[in-house]
C-alpha atoms as a PDB file:
ATOM      1  CA  MET A   1      57.411 -38.804  85.097  1.00  0.00           C
ATOM      2  CA  SER A   2      58.013 -34.904  86.622  1.00  0.00           C
ATOM      3  CA  ALA A   3      54.071 -34.901  87.339  1.00  0.00           C
ATOM      4  CA  HIS A   4      54.640 -38.362  89.365  1.00  0.00           C
ATOM      5  CA  ARG A   5      57.427 -36.577  91.242  1.00  0.00           C
ATOM      6  CA  LYS A   6      55.486 -33.484  92.055  1.00  0.00           C
ATOM      7  CA  TRP A   7      52.776 -35.635  93.291  1.00  0.00           C
ATOM      8  CA  LEU A   8      54.722 -37.432  95.416  1.00  0.00           C
ATOM      9  CA  ASP A   9      56.522 -34.055  96.590  1.00  0.00           C
ATOM     10  CA  ALA A  10      52.836 -33.038  97.754  1.00  0.00           C
ATOM     11  CA  ILE A  11      51.631 -36.198  99.190  1.00  0.00           C
ATOM     12  CA  SER A  12      54.873 -36.312 101.177  1.00  0.00           C
ATOM     13  CA  ASP A  13      54.305 -32.739 102.780  1.00  0.00           C
ATOM     14  CA  ASN A  14      50.809 -33.768 103.496  1.00  0.00           C
ATOM     15  CA  ILE A  15      51.687 -36.832 105.359  1.00  0.00           C
ATOM     16  CA  ALA A  16      54.568 -34.702 107.205  1.00  0.00           C
ATOM     17  CA  ASN A  17      52.111 -32.184 108.368  1.00  0.00           C
ATOM     18  CA  VAL A  18      49.033 -34.535 109.217  1.00  0.00           C
ATOM     19  CA  ASN A  19      49.367 -33.683 112.839  1.00  0.00           C
ATOM     20  CA  THR A  20      50.904 -30.266 112.706  1.00  0.00           C
ATOM     21  CA  ALA A  21      49.088 -28.108 115.281  1.00  0.00           C
ATOM     22  CA  THR A  22      48.247 -24.126 114.369  1.00  0.00           C
ATOM     23  CA  PRO A  23      47.883 -21.587 116.970  1.00  0.00           C
ATOM     24  CA  ALA A  24      44.629 -20.003 117.038  1.00  0.00           C
ATOM     25  CA  GLY A  25      44.311 -17.059 114.513  1.00  0.00           C
ATOM     26  CA  GLN A  26      47.262 -18.197 112.503  1.00  0.00           C
ATOM     27  CA  ASP A  27      46.741 -19.874 108.986  1.00  0.00           C
ATOM     28  CA  MET A  28      47.005 -23.570 109.091  1.00  0.00           C
ATOM     29  CA  PHE A  29      48.570 -26.038 106.866  1.00  0.00           C
ATOM     30  CA  ARG A  30      46.181 -27.023 103.793  1.00  0.00           C
ATOM     31  CA  GLU A  31      46.473 -30.196 102.074  1.00  0.00           C
ATOM     32  CA  LYS A  32      48.147 -29.745  98.561  1.00  0.00           C
ATOM     33  CA  TYR A  33      46.944 -31.089  95.088  1.00  0.00           C
ATOM     34  CA  VAL A  34      48.749 -31.291  92.102  1.00  0.00           C
ATOM     35  CA  THR A  35      46.964 -30.187  88.933  1.00  0.00           C
ATOM     36  CA  VAL A  36      47.888 -31.648  85.459  1.00  0.00           C
ATOM     37  CA  ALA A  37      46.735 -30.700  81.775  1.00  0.00           C
ATOM     38  CA  GLU A  38      47.317 -32.774  78.944  1.00  0.00           C
ATOM     39  CA  GLY A  39      50.077 -31.857  76.603  1.00  0.00           C
ATOM     40  CA  ALA A  40      49.446 -29.974  73.366  1.00  0.00           C
ATOM     41  CA  GLU A  41      52.575 -30.505  71.861  1.00  0.00           C
ATOM     42  CA  THR A  42      53.747 -33.982  73.178  1.00  0.00           C
ATOM     43  CA  PRO A  43      52.141 -36.986  74.718  1.00  0.00           C
ATOM     44  CA  GLY A  44      51.463 -37.077  78.195  1.00  0.00           C
ATOM     45  CA  VAL A  45      50.966 -34.666  80.889  1.00  0.00           C
ATOM     46  CA  TYR A  46      52.492 -31.568  82.466  1.00  0.00           C
ATOM     47  CA  VAL A  47      51.813 -29.924  86.177  1.00  0.00           C
ATOM     48  CA  THR A  48      49.597 -26.823  85.569  1.00  0.00           C
ATOM     49  CA  GLY A  49      50.149 -26.039  89.566  1.00  0.00           C
ATOM     50  CA  VAL A  50      49.681 -26.817  92.960  1.00  0.00           C
ATOM     51  CA  ARG A  51      46.281 -25.960  94.698  1.00  0.00           C
ATOM     52  CA  GLU A  52      45.605 -25.902  98.405  1.00  0.00           C
ATOM     53  CA  SER A  53      42.410 -27.230  99.992  1.00  0.00           C
ATOM     54  CA  THR A  54      39.697 -25.037 101.048  1.00  0.00           C
ATOM     55  CA  ALA A  55      38.588 -27.608 103.705  1.00  0.00           C
ATOM     56  CA  GLU A  56      38.473 -26.384 107.189  1.00  0.00           C
ATOM     57  CA  GLY A  57      40.667 -28.020 109.788  1.00  0.00           C
ATOM     58  CA  ARG A  58      39.457 -30.536 112.356  1.00  0.00           C
ATOM     59  CA  LEU A  59      39.205 -29.363 115.978  1.00  0.00           C
ATOM     60  CA  VAL A  60      40.483 -31.630 118.708  1.00  0.00           C
ATOM     61  CA  TYR A  61      39.547 -31.098 122.047  1.00  0.00           C
ATOM     62  CA  GLU A  62      43.124 -30.577 124.239  1.00  0.00           C
ATOM     63  CA  PRO A  63      42.703 -28.065 126.525  1.00  0.00           C
ATOM     64  CA  GLU A  64      46.510 -28.688 127.863  1.00  0.00           C
ATOM     65  CA  HIS A  65      47.998 -27.998 124.517  1.00  0.00           C
ATOM     66  CA  PRO A  66      49.940 -24.455 124.214  1.00  0.00           C
ATOM     67  CA  TYR A  67      47.754 -23.775 120.978  1.00  0.00           C
ATOM     68  CA  ALA A  68      44.636 -24.484 122.494  1.00  0.00           C
ATOM     69  CA  ASP A  69      41.989 -21.605 122.094  1.00  0.00           C
ATOM     70  CA  GLU A  70      39.729 -20.107 124.986  1.00  0.00           C
ATOM     71  CA  ASN A  71      37.659 -23.471 124.507  1.00  0.00           C
ATOM     72  CA  GLY A  72      40.564 -25.649 124.836  1.00  0.00           C
ATOM     73  CA  TYR A  73      40.418 -26.619 121.213  1.00  0.00           C
ATOM     74  CA  VAL A  74      43.290 -27.354 119.031  1.00  0.00           C
ATOM     75  CA  GLN A  75      43.324 -26.888 114.786  1.00  0.00           C
ATOM     76  CA  TYR A  76      44.684 -29.317 113.015  1.00  0.00           C
ATOM     77  CA  PRO A  77      44.881 -29.811 109.288  1.00  0.00           C
ATOM     78  CA  ASN A  78      42.053 -31.581 107.469  1.00  0.00           C
ATOM     79  CA  VAL A  79      44.413 -34.236 105.875  1.00  0.00           C
ATOM     80  CA  ASP A  80      43.080 -38.023 106.034  1.00  0.00           C
ATOM     81  CA  LEU A  81      46.178 -40.269 106.314  1.00  0.00           C
ATOM     82  CA  GLY A  82      43.961 -43.112 104.717  1.00  0.00           C
ATOM     83  CA  ASP A  83      43.890 -41.157 101.701  1.00  0.00           C
ATOM     84  CA  GLN A  84      47.341 -39.896 101.320  1.00  0.00           C
ATOM     85  CA  MET A  85      48.646 -43.468 101.845  1.00  0.00           C
ATOM     86  CA  SER A  86      46.627 -44.719  98.907  1.00  0.00           C
ATOM     87  CA  MET A  87      47.438 -41.634  96.833  1.00  0.00           C
ATOM     88  CA  LEU A  88      51.266 -42.687  97.551  1.00  0.00           C
ATOM     89  CA  ILE A  89      51.169 -45.951  96.484  1.00  0.00           C
ATOM     90  CA  LEU A  90      49.505 -44.790  93.016  1.00  0.00           C
ATOM     91  CA  ALA A  91      51.906 -42.034  92.548  1.00  0.00           C
ATOM     92  CA  GLN A  92      54.631 -44.520  93.201  1.00  0.00           C
ATOM     93  CA  ARG A  93      53.369 -47.119  90.922  1.00  0.00           C
ATOM     94  CA  GLY A  94      53.026 -44.578  88.018  1.00  0.00           C
ATOM     95  CA  TYR A  95      56.494 -43.365  88.754  1.00  0.00           C
ATOM     96  CA  GLN A  96      57.858 -46.999  88.763  1.00  0.00           C
ATOM     97  CA  ALA A  97      56.230 -47.772  85.297  1.00  0.00           C
ATOM     98  CA  ASN A  98      57.665 -44.480  83.809  1.00  0.00           C
ATOM     99  CA  ALA A  99      61.073 -45.742  85.079  1.00  0.00           C
ATOM    100  CA  ALA A 100      60.489 -49.049  83.666  1.00  0.00           C
ATOM    101  CA  VAL A 101      59.527 -47.625  80.103  1.00  0.00           C
ATOM    102  CA  ILE A 102      62.827 -45.512  80.442  1.00  0.00           C
ATOM    103  CA  ASP A 103      64.970 -48.758  81.241  1.00  0.00           C
ATOM    104  CA  ARG A 104      63.457 -50.633  78.062  1.00  0.00           C
ATOM    105  CA  ALA A 105      63.933 -48.038  75.754  1.00  0.00           C
ATOM    106  CA  LYS A 106      67.299 -47.581  76.944  1.00  0.00           C
ATOM    107  CA  THR A 107      67.951 -51.287  76.528  1.00  0.00           C
ATOM    108  CA  SER A 108      66.047 -51.354  72.958  1.00  0.00           C
ATOM    109  CA  TYR A 109      68.580 -48.568  71.567  1.00  0.00           C
ATOM    110  CA  GLU A 110      71.462 -50.466  73.044  1.00  0.00           C
ATOM    111  CA  ALA A 111      70.525 -53.590  71.011  1.00  0.00           C
ATOM    112  CA  ALA A 112      70.059 -51.331  67.771  1.00  0.00           C
ATOM    113  CA  LEU A 113      73.149 -50.323  68.363  1.00  0.00           C
ATOM    114  CA  GLN A 114      74.723 -53.482  68.308  1.00  0.00           C
ATOM    115  CA  ILE A 115      72.974 -54.621  65.420  1.00  0.00           C
ATOM    116  CA  GLY A 116      75.425 -51.661  63.003  1.00  0.00           C
ATOM    117  CA  ARG A 117      78.351 -53.522  65.113  1.00  0.00           C
ATOM    118  CA  SER A 118      77.989 -57.015  63.997  1.00  0.00           C
END
């Protein structure tokens, strides 16, 4: 569940910065990816880190923009909003599935406790 939460956080950052222009010569926002690994001691996965994309930003011709370079181009992150929205749905569904399992386990434990009280 924590892996899905971290994934949702990374996607949120990516979506929030999809149109963040960067002044020429400065580091631009880079798309974030969450990396996970299989748990050795427990079932499931755990977050091993957050990587940043190595893709170059996209250049958009906007000569009037204050961040335009000498040729009139502004640098934006190379974040595909469609891909991010697809990943957002996957991450949400995974998070919801984990929450449903926790809820069902809680209901089962409560039912087991009721057996002892009867």
